[in-house]
Amino acid sequence: MLKTDLLVYTNELSYFVSGTGKSLDDAKYDFLKGYEDMKAYYAEKNKQFEEVEFEFAIDVVSA
């Protein structure tokens, strides 16, 4: 099975999150776990965390 990399980037946020996995579900899980970890880190440091909503799509043309 193909290993996939999920990468989301925007310069509008003050943090970066990425996820990888051997399947799309694994990459999505890893990404969302990283997002929750970053949220917890910001809370621990008493920093403002901008929450965002994600919509996942597969770009089969680029695959």
C-alpha atoms as a PDB file:
ATOM      1  CA  MET A   1       0.000   0.000   0.000  1.00  0.00           C
ATOM      2  CA  LEU A   2       1.190   3.517  -0.804  1.00  0.00           C
ATOM      3  CA  LYS A   3       2.355   5.660   2.112  1.00  0.00           C
ATOM      4  CA  THR A   4       0.629   9.027   2.048  1.00  0.00           C
ATOM      5  CA  ASP A   5       1.651  12.389   3.415  1.00  0.00           C
ATOM      6  CA  LEU A   6      -0.923  14.931   4.455  1.00  0.00           C
ATOM      7  CA  LEU A   7       0.259  18.506   4.588  1.00  0.00           C
ATOM      8  CA  VAL A   8      -1.851  21.532   5.312  1.00  0.00           C
ATOM      9  CA  TYR A   9      -0.254  24.941   5.386  1.00  0.00           C
ATOM     10  CA  THR A  10      -1.472  28.469   5.835  1.00  0.00           C
ATOM     11  CA  ASN A  11       0.382  31.565   6.916  1.00  0.00           C
ATOM     12  CA  GLU A  12      -2.774  32.935   8.533  1.00  0.00           C
ATOM     13  CA  LEU A  13      -2.276  30.902  11.714  1.00  0.00           C
ATOM     14  CA  SER A  14       0.394  31.164  14.379  1.00  0.00           C
ATOM     15  CA  TYR A  15       1.021  27.399  14.422  1.00  0.00           C
ATOM     16  CA  PHE A  16       1.768  24.528  12.032  1.00  0.00           C
ATOM     17  CA  VAL A  17       0.307  21.016  12.061  1.00  0.00           C
ATOM     18  CA  SER A  18       0.995  18.089   9.751  1.00  0.00           C
ATOM     19  CA  GLY A  19       0.221  14.387   9.667  1.00  0.00           C
ATOM     20  CA  THR A  20       1.563  11.276   7.982  1.00  0.00           C
ATOM     21  CA  GLY A  21       0.486   7.667   7.769  1.00  0.00           C
ATOM     22  CA  LYS A  22       0.373   4.480   5.740  1.00  0.00           C
ATOM     23  CA  SER A  23      -3.245   5.173   4.821  1.00  0.00           C
ATOM     24  CA  LEU A  24      -5.412   8.244   4.433  1.00  0.00           C
ATOM     25  CA  ASP A  25      -7.165   7.416   7.703  1.00  0.00           C
ATOM     26  CA  ASP A  26      -3.807   7.115   9.501  1.00  0.00           C
ATOM     27  CA  ALA A  27      -2.640  10.471   8.110  1.00  0.00           C
ATOM     28  CA  LYS A  28      -5.900  12.167   9.071  1.00  0.00           C
ATOM     29  CA  TYR A  29      -5.726  10.717  12.593  1.00  0.00           C
ATOM     30  CA  ASP A  30      -2.098  11.841  12.956  1.00  0.00           C
ATOM     31  CA  PHE A  31      -2.979  15.318  11.707  1.00  0.00           C
ATOM     32  CA  LEU A  32      -5.929  15.728  14.100  1.00  0.00           C
ATOM     33  CA  LYS A  33      -3.822  14.403  16.995  1.00  0.00           C
ATOM     34  CA  GLY A  34      -1.178  17.019  16.202  1.00  0.00           C
ATOM     35  CA  TYR A  35      -3.853  19.704  16.133  1.00  0.00           C
ATOM     36  CA  GLU A  36      -5.116  18.671  19.584  1.00  0.00           C
ATOM     37  CA  ASP A  37      -1.532  18.518  20.897  1.00  0.00           C
ATOM     38  CA  MET A  38      -0.889  22.051  19.613  1.00  0.00           C
ATOM     39  CA  LYS A  39      -4.131  23.240  21.217  1.00  0.00           C
ATOM     40  CA  ALA A  40      -3.030  21.759  24.566  1.00  0.00           C
ATOM     41  CA  TYR A  41       0.430  23.338  24.233  1.00  0.00           C
ATOM     42  CA  TYR A  42      -1.079  26.778  23.659  1.00  0.00           C
ATOM     43  CA  ALA A  43      -3.334  26.340  26.696  1.00  0.00           C
ATOM     44  CA  GLU A  44      -0.336  25.292  28.803  1.00  0.00           C
ATOM     45  CA  LYS A  45       1.548  28.431  27.734  1.00  0.00           C
ATOM     46  CA  ASN A  46      -1.548  30.631  28.216  1.00  0.00           C
ATOM     47  CA  LYS A  47      -1.402  31.640  24.563  1.00  0.00           C
ATOM     48  CA  GLN A  48      -4.437  32.373  22.404  1.00  0.00           C
ATOM     49  CA  PHE A  49      -5.205  29.431  20.101  1.00  0.00           C
ATOM     50  CA  GLU A  50      -7.275  30.019  16.995  1.00  0.00           C
ATOM     51  CA  GLU A  51      -9.489  26.994  16.431  1.00  0.00           C
ATOM     52  CA  VAL A  52     -10.230  26.033  12.859  1.00  0.00           C
ATOM     53  CA  GLU A  53     -12.498  23.535  11.151  1.00  0.00           C
ATOM     54  CA  PHE A  54     -10.964  21.127   8.648  1.00  0.00           C
ATOM     55  CA  GLU A  55     -12.515  19.634   5.553  1.00  0.00           C
ATOM     56  CA  PHE A  56     -10.534  16.758   4.051  1.00  0.00           C
ATOM     57  CA  ALA A  57     -10.567  15.935   0.348  1.00  0.00           C
ATOM     58  CA  ILE A  58      -8.527  13.627  -1.856  1.00  0.00           C
ATOM     59  CA  ASP A  59      -6.813  15.215  -4.855  1.00  0.00           C
ATOM     60  CA  VAL A  60      -6.674  12.200  -7.193  1.00  0.00           C
ATOM     61  CA  VAL A  61      -5.379  14.268 -10.107  1.00  0.00           C
ATOM     62  CA  SER A  62      -2.142  15.042  -8.234  1.00  0.00           C
ATOM     63  CA  ALA A  63      -1.731  11.560  -6.756  1.00  0.00           C
END
